[in-house]
Amino acid sequence: MPATRKDPFESASVVEAIRAAIVSGDYVPDQRLVEADLSERFSVSRGAVRSALLQLDNEGLVERVPHRGARVRAVSPAEAIEITEVRMAVEGLCAAKAAQRVAEAEIDELREIREQMIAAVGTGAVMAYSGLNNRLHRRIVEMSGQGTAGSVIKRLRGQSVRHQFRLALRPGRPYVSLPEHLAIIDAIRSRDPVAAERTARSHLGSVIEALRDASAPTALT
């Protein structure tokens, strides 16, 4: 039997587990998320599951329906595009601020991420590249020092994460996004805020176009 005590570390773990299951498609849009089932699947208390669902609801990944429990929130392609348009403005700001504030140790870290991204695409390691993509975006926000923007971006990414994951797996997509990511990295490492903002916005503009292509009728047949 799972413990009844709600442990904050347990709650954080189950948040990540449920999020990963939604992103990977184990749980599909509009599917009910039953506390008892989740508790059994992840071997955690129902209190931890309840806390995790509340956090995922705040992120926009889960929807809590009065008297019916929780379900995976369905985000349409059109909404995913709107979310990315907002991200374009906010992440452009963060990239510019990161270029102004970046420390020497962070420049070295960005060089490491750059090399790992090139290697991942070169070997066809799509999942590794996707992880590096997420790390890069997260670190740029952290380097920017923009706490408010970081909270906004985290929520927006949570809402559209499933679309982003599916997009990352599309054949040839890494070859398109890699030079875009490298341009952002190079601009920040050069401490050029104008170029950093421009390249970040350009990259997310490319994401928007890819989302539009993916949702077009010919892409769904």
C-alpha atoms as a PDB file:
ATOM      1  CA  MET A   1       0.000   0.000   0.000  1.00  0.00           C
ATOM      2  CA  PRO A   2       1.343   3.473  -0.817  1.00  0.00           C
ATOM      3  CA  ALA A   3       2.103   5.637   2.194  1.00  0.00           C
ATOM      4  CA  THR A   4      -0.525   8.218   3.149  1.00  0.00           C
ATOM      5  CA  ARG A   5       2.064  10.838   4.139  1.00  0.00           C
ATOM      6  CA  LYS A   6       2.602  13.466   1.457  1.00  0.00           C
ATOM      7  CA  ASP A   7       6.326  13.853   0.893  1.00  0.00           C
ATOM      8  CA  PRO A   8       7.390  16.935  -1.187  1.00  0.00           C
ATOM      9  CA  PHE A   9      10.164  14.940  -2.832  1.00  0.00           C
ATOM     10  CA  GLU A  10       7.691  12.189  -3.705  1.00  0.00           C
ATOM     11  CA  SER A  11       5.327  14.786  -5.169  1.00  0.00           C
ATOM     12  CA  ALA A  12       8.080  16.288  -7.325  1.00  0.00           C
ATOM     13  CA  SER A  13       9.005  12.836  -8.611  1.00  0.00           C
ATOM     14  CA  VAL A  14       5.466  11.932  -9.601  1.00  0.00           C
ATOM     15  CA  VAL A  15       5.032  15.315 -11.343  1.00  0.00           C
ATOM     16  CA  GLU A  16       7.953  14.431 -13.591  1.00  0.00           C
ATOM     17  CA  ALA A  17       6.642  10.900 -14.133  1.00  0.00           C
ATOM     18  CA  ILE A  18       3.138  12.007 -15.124  1.00  0.00           C
ATOM     19  CA  ARG A  19       4.511  14.801 -17.307  1.00  0.00           C
ATOM     20  CA  ALA A  20       6.794  12.341 -19.112  1.00  0.00           C
ATOM     21  CA  ALA A  21       3.882   9.925 -19.644  1.00  0.00           C
ATOM     22  CA  ILE A  22       1.771  12.702 -21.178  1.00  0.00           C
ATOM     23  CA  VAL A  23       4.586  13.945 -23.403  1.00  0.00           C
ATOM     24  CA  SER A  24       5.384  10.447 -24.676  1.00  0.00           C
ATOM     25  CA  GLY A  25       1.726   9.717 -25.453  1.00  0.00           C
ATOM     26  CA  ASP A  26       1.053   7.171 -22.704  1.00  0.00           C
ATOM     27  CA  TYR A  27      -1.784   9.466 -21.698  1.00  0.00           C
ATOM     28  CA  VAL A  28      -3.602  11.162 -24.573  1.00  0.00           C
ATOM     29  CA  PRO A  29      -5.552  14.443 -24.696  1.00  0.00           C
ATOM     30  CA  ASP A  30      -8.877  14.306 -22.791  1.00  0.00           C
ATOM     31  CA  GLN A  31      -7.933  11.019 -21.092  1.00  0.00           C
ATOM     32  CA  ARG A  32      -9.001  10.856 -17.437  1.00  0.00           C
ATOM     33  CA  LEU A  33      -6.244  10.693 -14.846  1.00  0.00           C
ATOM     34  CA  VAL A  34      -7.550   8.611 -11.962  1.00  0.00           C
ATOM     35  CA  GLU A  35      -5.722   9.178  -8.673  1.00  0.00           C
ATOM     36  CA  ALA A  36      -5.956   5.555  -7.568  1.00  0.00           C
ATOM     37  CA  ASP A  37      -4.571   4.288 -10.888  1.00  0.00           C
ATOM     38  CA  LEU A  38      -1.711   6.790 -10.865  1.00  0.00           C
ATOM     39  CA  SER A  39      -0.908   5.952  -7.260  1.00  0.00           C
ATOM     40  CA  GLU A  40      -0.627   2.277  -8.121  1.00  0.00           C
ATOM     41  CA  ARG A  41       1.307   2.806 -11.348  1.00  0.00           C
ATOM     42  CA  PHE A  42       3.959   5.054  -9.805  1.00  0.00           C
ATOM     43  CA  SER A  43       3.946   3.457  -6.331  1.00  0.00           C
ATOM     44  CA  VAL A  44       3.283   6.719  -4.542  1.00  0.00           C
ATOM     45  CA  SER A  45       0.620   7.992  -2.158  1.00  0.00           C
ATOM     46  CA  ARG A  46      -2.644   9.404  -3.424  1.00  0.00           C
ATOM     47  CA  GLY A  47      -1.725  12.629  -1.631  1.00  0.00           C
ATOM     48  CA  ALA A  48       1.399  12.897  -3.763  1.00  0.00           C
ATOM     49  CA  VAL A  49      -0.655  12.225  -6.914  1.00  0.00           C
ATOM     50  CA  ARG A  50      -3.198  14.868  -5.926  1.00  0.00           C
ATOM     51  CA  SER A  51      -0.441  17.409  -5.340  1.00  0.00           C
ATOM     52  CA  ALA A  52       1.206  16.504  -8.664  1.00  0.00           C
ATOM     53  CA  LEU A  53      -2.053  16.892 -10.592  1.00  0.00           C
ATOM     54  CA  LEU A  54      -2.591  20.296  -9.004  1.00  0.00           C
ATOM     55  CA  GLN A  55       0.853  21.431 -10.141  1.00  0.00           C
ATOM     56  CA  LEU A  56       0.305  20.078 -13.653  1.00  0.00           C
ATOM     57  CA  ASP A  57      -3.041  21.854 -13.713  1.00  0.00           C
ATOM     58  CA  ASN A  58      -1.254  25.103 -12.845  1.00  0.00           C
ATOM     59  CA  GLU A  59       1.158  24.436 -15.718  1.00  0.00           C
ATOM     60  CA  GLY A  60      -1.726  23.924 -18.137  1.00  0.00           C
ATOM     61  CA  LEU A  61      -0.835  20.316 -18.926  1.00  0.00           C
ATOM     62  CA  VAL A  62      -3.705  18.815 -16.932  1.00  0.00           C
ATOM     63  CA  GLU A  63      -7.282  20.038 -16.576  1.00  0.00           C
ATOM     64  CA  ARG A  64      -9.267  19.489 -13.376  1.00  0.00           C
ATOM     65  CA  VAL A  65     -13.005  19.201 -14.051  1.00  0.00           C
ATOM     66  CA  PRO A  66     -15.378  19.786 -11.099  1.00  0.00           C
ATOM     67  CA  HIS A  67     -16.931  16.512  -9.865  1.00  0.00           C
ATOM     68  CA  ARG A  68     -15.148  14.556 -12.629  1.00  0.00           C
ATOM     69  CA  GLY A  69     -11.515  14.602 -11.588  1.00  0.00           C
ATOM     70  CA  ALA A  70      -8.525  15.392 -13.777  1.00  0.00           C
ATOM     71  CA  ARG A  71      -7.787  14.755 -17.424  1.00  0.00           C
ATOM     72  CA  VAL A  72      -5.041  15.531 -19.915  1.00  0.00           C
ATOM     73  CA  ARG A  73      -5.717  18.968 -21.333  1.00  0.00           C
ATOM     74  CA  ALA A  74      -6.169  19.001 -25.090  1.00  0.00           C
ATOM     75  CA  VAL A  75      -4.121  21.758 -26.737  1.00  0.00           C
ATOM     76  CA  SER A  76      -5.028  22.323 -30.374  1.00  0.00           C
ATOM     77  CA  PRO A  77      -2.368  23.049 -33.013  1.00  0.00           C
ATOM     78  CA  ALA A  78      -3.760  26.583 -33.274  1.00  0.00           C
ATOM     79  CA  GLU A  79      -3.317  27.131 -29.531  1.00  0.00           C
ATOM     80  CA  ALA A  80       0.188  25.636 -29.667  1.00  0.00           C
ATOM     81  CA  ILE A  81       1.055  28.209 -32.341  1.00  0.00           C
ATOM     82  CA  GLU A  82      -0.344  31.053 -30.202  1.00  0.00           C
ATOM     83  CA  ILE A  83       1.694  29.819 -27.241  1.00  0.00           C
ATOM     84  CA  THR A  84       4.854  29.753 -29.345  1.00  0.00           C
ATOM     85  CA  GLU A  85       4.179  33.277 -30.586  1.00  0.00           C
ATOM     86  CA  VAL A  86       4.158  34.487 -26.976  1.00  0.00           C
ATOM     87  CA  ARG A  87       7.286  32.457 -26.256  1.00  0.00           C
ATOM     88  CA  MET A  88       8.976  34.171 -29.204  1.00  0.00           C
ATOM     89  CA  ALA A  89       8.669  37.557 -27.518  1.00  0.00           C
ATOM     90  CA  VAL A  90       9.586  36.405 -24.012  1.00  0.00           C
ATOM     91  CA  GLU A  91      12.432  34.075 -24.972  1.00  0.00           C
ATOM     92  CA  GLY A  92      13.834  36.725 -27.290  1.00  0.00           C
ATOM     93  CA  LEU A  93      14.051  39.032 -24.268  1.00  0.00           C
ATOM     94  CA  CYS A  94      15.721  36.306 -22.199  1.00  0.00           C
ATOM     95  CA  ALA A  95      18.295  35.603 -24.898  1.00  0.00           C
ATOM     96  CA  ALA A  96      19.198  39.297 -25.053  1.00  0.00           C
ATOM     97  CA  LYS A  97      19.519  39.508 -21.269  1.00  0.00           C
ATOM     98  CA  ALA A  98      21.569  36.293 -21.188  1.00  0.00           C
ATOM     99  CA  ALA A  99      23.995  37.802 -23.701  1.00  0.00           C
ATOM    100  CA  GLN A 100      24.412  40.828 -21.427  1.00  0.00           C
ATOM    101  CA  ARG A 101      24.895  38.804 -18.243  1.00  0.00           C
ATOM    102  CA  VAL A 102      26.640  35.605 -19.367  1.00  0.00           C
ATOM    103  CA  ALA A 103      29.623  34.605 -17.211  1.00  0.00           C
ATOM    104  CA  GLU A 104      32.810  32.938 -18.416  1.00  0.00           C
ATOM    105  CA  ALA A 105      31.823  29.590 -16.886  1.00  0.00           C
ATOM    106  CA  GLU A 106      28.466  29.805 -18.676  1.00  0.00           C
ATOM    107  CA  ILE A 107      30.210  30.547 -21.965  1.00  0.00           C
ATOM    108  CA  ASP A 108      32.124  27.293 -21.477  1.00  0.00           C
ATOM    109  CA  GLU A 109      28.875  25.464 -20.688  1.00  0.00           C
ATOM    110  CA  LEU A 110      27.270  26.808 -23.862  1.00  0.00           C
ATOM    111  CA  ARG A 111      30.257  25.634 -25.875  1.00  0.00           C
ATOM    112  CA  GLU A 112      29.806  22.165 -24.356  1.00  0.00           C
ATOM    113  CA  ILE A 113      26.095  22.136 -25.215  1.00  0.00           C
ATOM    114  CA  ARG A 114      26.981  23.291 -28.742  1.00  0.00           C
ATOM    115  CA  GLU A 115      29.411  20.414 -29.251  1.00  0.00           C
ATOM    116  CA  GLN A 116      26.977  17.873 -27.808  1.00  0.00           C
ATOM    117  CA  MET A 117      24.169  19.090 -30.070  1.00  0.00           C
ATOM    118  CA  ILE A 118      26.333  18.762 -33.164  1.00  0.00           C
ATOM    119  CA  ALA A 119      27.382  15.266 -32.112  1.00  0.00           C
ATOM    120  CA  ALA A 120      23.796  14.178 -31.349  1.00  0.00           C
ATOM    121  CA  VAL A 121      22.507  15.300 -34.746  1.00  0.00           C
ATOM    122  CA  GLY A 122      25.513  13.776 -36.481  1.00  0.00           C
ATOM    123  CA  THR A 123      24.821  10.362 -34.950  1.00  0.00           C
ATOM    124  CA  GLY A 124      21.032  10.541 -35.296  1.00  0.00           C
ATOM    125  CA  ALA A 125      20.518  10.564 -31.510  1.00  0.00           C
ATOM    126  CA  VAL A 126      17.140  12.308 -31.681  1.00  0.00           C
ATOM    127  CA  MET A 127      16.184  11.870 -28.028  1.00  0.00           C
ATOM    128  CA  ALA A 128      19.578  13.087 -26.830  1.00  0.00           C
ATOM    129  CA  TYR A 129      19.258  16.127 -29.077  1.00  0.00           C
ATOM    130  CA  SER A 130      15.746  16.796 -27.756  1.00  0.00           C
ATOM    131  CA  GLY A 131      17.088  16.717 -24.212  1.00  0.00           C
ATOM    132  CA  LEU A 132      19.876  19.134 -25.117  1.00  0.00           C
ATOM    133  CA  ASN A 133      17.317  21.391 -26.781  1.00  0.00           C
ATOM    134  CA  ASN A 134      15.328  21.555 -23.542  1.00  0.00           C
ATOM    135  CA  ARG A 135      18.499  22.119 -21.522  1.00  0.00           C
ATOM    136  CA  LEU A 136      19.608  24.972 -23.756  1.00  0.00           C
ATOM    137  CA  HIS A 137      16.283  26.786 -23.570  1.00  0.00           C
ATOM    138  CA  ARG A 138      16.158  26.333 -19.796  1.00  0.00           C
ATOM    139  CA  ARG A 139      19.722  27.538 -19.266  1.00  0.00           C
ATOM    140  CA  ILE A 140      19.230  30.635 -21.412  1.00  0.00           C
ATOM    141  CA  VAL A 141      16.333  31.665 -19.195  1.00  0.00           C
ATOM    142  CA  GLU A 142      18.395  30.964 -16.066  1.00  0.00           C
ATOM    143  CA  MET A 143      21.367  32.924 -17.436  1.00  0.00           C
ATOM    144  CA  SER A 144      19.087  35.854 -18.212  1.00  0.00           C
ATOM    145  CA  GLY A 145      18.178  36.318 -14.554  1.00  0.00           C
ATOM    146  CA  GLN A 146      14.585  37.032 -15.586  1.00  0.00           C
ATOM    147  CA  GLY A 147      12.595  35.212 -12.912  1.00  0.00           C
ATOM    148  CA  THR A 148       9.188  36.483 -14.028  1.00  0.00           C
ATOM    149  CA  ALA A 149       9.872  35.599 -17.641  1.00  0.00           C
ATOM    150  CA  GLY A 150      11.099  32.186 -16.522  1.00  0.00           C
ATOM    151  CA  SER A 151       7.809  31.451 -14.774  1.00  0.00           C
ATOM    152  CA  VAL A 152       5.857  32.495 -17.861  1.00  0.00           C
ATOM    153  CA  ILE A 153       7.991  30.363 -20.171  1.00  0.00           C
ATOM    154  CA  LYS A 154       7.759  27.299 -17.935  1.00  0.00           C
ATOM    155  CA  ARG A 155       3.978  27.494 -17.990  1.00  0.00           C
ATOM    156  CA  LEU A 156       3.822  28.056 -21.747  1.00  0.00           C
ATOM    157  CA  ARG A 157       6.217  25.206 -22.516  1.00  0.00           C
ATOM    158  CA  GLY A 158       4.209  22.926 -20.266  1.00  0.00           C
ATOM    159  CA  GLN A 159       1.042  23.634 -22.200  1.00  0.00           C
ATOM    160  CA  SER A 160       2.551  22.884 -25.606  1.00  0.00           C
ATOM    161  CA  VAL A 161       5.131  20.278 -24.590  1.00  0.00           C
ATOM    162  CA  ARG A 162       3.390  17.391 -26.365  1.00  0.00           C
ATOM    163  CA  HIS A 163       3.340  19.268 -29.675  1.00  0.00           C
ATOM    164  CA  GLN A 164       7.004  20.177 -29.188  1.00  0.00           C
ATOM    165  CA  PHE A 165       7.921  16.546 -28.503  1.00  0.00           C
ATOM    166  CA  ARG A 166       6.115  15.291 -31.612  1.00  0.00           C
ATOM    167  CA  LEU A 167       7.724  18.040 -33.676  1.00  0.00           C
ATOM    168  CA  ALA A 168      11.196  17.064 -32.441  1.00  0.00           C
ATOM    169  CA  LEU A 169      10.637  13.515 -33.715  1.00  0.00           C
ATOM    170  CA  ARG A 170       9.679  14.580 -37.252  1.00  0.00           C
ATOM    171  CA  PRO A 171      12.222  13.314 -39.803  1.00  0.00           C
ATOM    172  CA  GLY A 172      14.748  15.998 -40.690  1.00  0.00           C
ATOM    173  CA  ARG A 173      13.642  18.482 -38.036  1.00  0.00           C
ATOM    174  CA  PRO A 174      16.951  18.390 -36.079  1.00  0.00           C
ATOM    175  CA  TYR A 175      18.826  19.385 -39.240  1.00  0.00           C
ATOM    176  CA  VAL A 176      16.641  22.491 -39.444  1.00  0.00           C
ATOM    177  CA  SER A 177      16.776  23.468 -35.784  1.00  0.00           C
ATOM    178  CA  LEU A 178      20.466  22.718 -35.162  1.00  0.00           C
ATOM    179  CA  PRO A 179      21.881  25.741 -37.046  1.00  0.00           C
ATOM    180  CA  GLU A 180      19.210  27.902 -35.379  1.00  0.00           C
ATOM    181  CA  HIS A 181      20.314  26.753 -31.928  1.00  0.00           C
ATOM    182  CA  LEU A 182      23.976  27.211 -32.819  1.00  0.00           C
ATOM    183  CA  ALA A 183      23.288  30.779 -33.927  1.00  0.00           C
ATOM    184  CA  ILE A 184      21.636  31.551 -30.573  1.00  0.00           C
ATOM    185  CA  ILE A 185      24.546  30.018 -28.678  1.00  0.00           C
ATOM    186  CA  ASP A 186      27.131  31.918 -30.715  1.00  0.00           C
ATOM    187  CA  ALA A 187      25.334  35.233 -30.208  1.00  0.00           C
ATOM    188  CA  ILE A 188      25.137  34.773 -26.431  1.00  0.00           C
ATOM    189  CA  ARG A 189      28.758  33.623 -26.215  1.00  0.00           C
ATOM    190  CA  SER A 190      29.718  36.741 -28.194  1.00  0.00           C
ATOM    191  CA  ARG A 191      27.755  38.850 -25.695  1.00  0.00           C
ATOM    192  CA  ASP A 192      25.707  40.352 -28.541  1.00  0.00           C
ATOM    193  CA  PRO A 193      22.191  40.995 -27.163  1.00  0.00           C
ATOM    194  CA  VAL A 194      20.770  42.233 -30.478  1.00  0.00           C
ATOM    195  CA  ALA A 195      21.873  39.103 -32.341  1.00  0.00           C
ATOM    196  CA  ALA A 196      20.809  36.873 -29.439  1.00  0.00           C
ATOM    197  CA  GLU A 197      17.268  38.248 -29.463  1.00  0.00           C
ATOM    198  CA  ARG A 198      17.074  38.106 -33.271  1.00  0.00           C
ATOM    199  CA  THR A 199      18.258  34.500 -33.492  1.00  0.00           C
ATOM    200  CA  ALA A 200      16.002  33.349 -30.645  1.00  0.00           C
ATOM    201  CA  ARG A 201      12.964  34.918 -32.285  1.00  0.00           C
ATOM    202  CA  SER A 202      13.967  33.488 -35.662  1.00  0.00           C
ATOM    203  CA  HIS A 203      14.247  29.998 -34.177  1.00  0.00           C
ATOM    204  CA  LEU A 204      10.790  30.146 -32.604  1.00  0.00           C
ATOM    205  CA  GLY A 205       9.417  31.548 -35.848  1.00  0.00           C
ATOM    206  CA  SER A 206      10.742  28.391 -37.488  1.00  0.00           C
ATOM    207  CA  VAL A 207       8.998  26.316 -34.820  1.00  0.00           C
ATOM    208  CA  ILE A 208       5.726  28.089 -35.616  1.00  0.00           C
ATOM    209  CA  GLU A 209       6.083  27.306 -39.320  1.00  0.00           C
ATOM    210  CA  ALA A 210       6.825  23.668 -38.505  1.00  0.00           C
ATOM    211  CA  LEU A 211       3.732  23.493 -36.269  1.00  0.00           C
ATOM    212  CA  ARG A 212       1.629  24.915 -39.102  1.00  0.00           C
ATOM    213  CA  ASP A 213       3.044  22.382 -41.547  1.00  0.00           C
ATOM    214  CA  ALA A 214       2.461  19.530 -39.106  1.00  0.00           C
ATOM    215  CA  SER A 215      -1.186  20.479 -38.622  1.00  0.00           C
ATOM    216  CA  ALA A 216      -1.922  21.000 -42.329  1.00  0.00           C
ATOM    217  CA  PRO A 217      -4.362  18.444 -43.850  1.00  0.00           C
ATOM    218  CA  THR A 218      -1.682  17.012 -46.124  1.00  0.00           C
ATOM    219  CA  ALA A 219       0.566  16.377 -43.095  1.00  0.00           C
ATOM    220  CA  LEU A 220      -2.141  14.370 -41.366  1.00  0.00           C
ATOM    221  CA  THR A 221      -2.896  11.915 -44.155  1.00  0.00           C
END
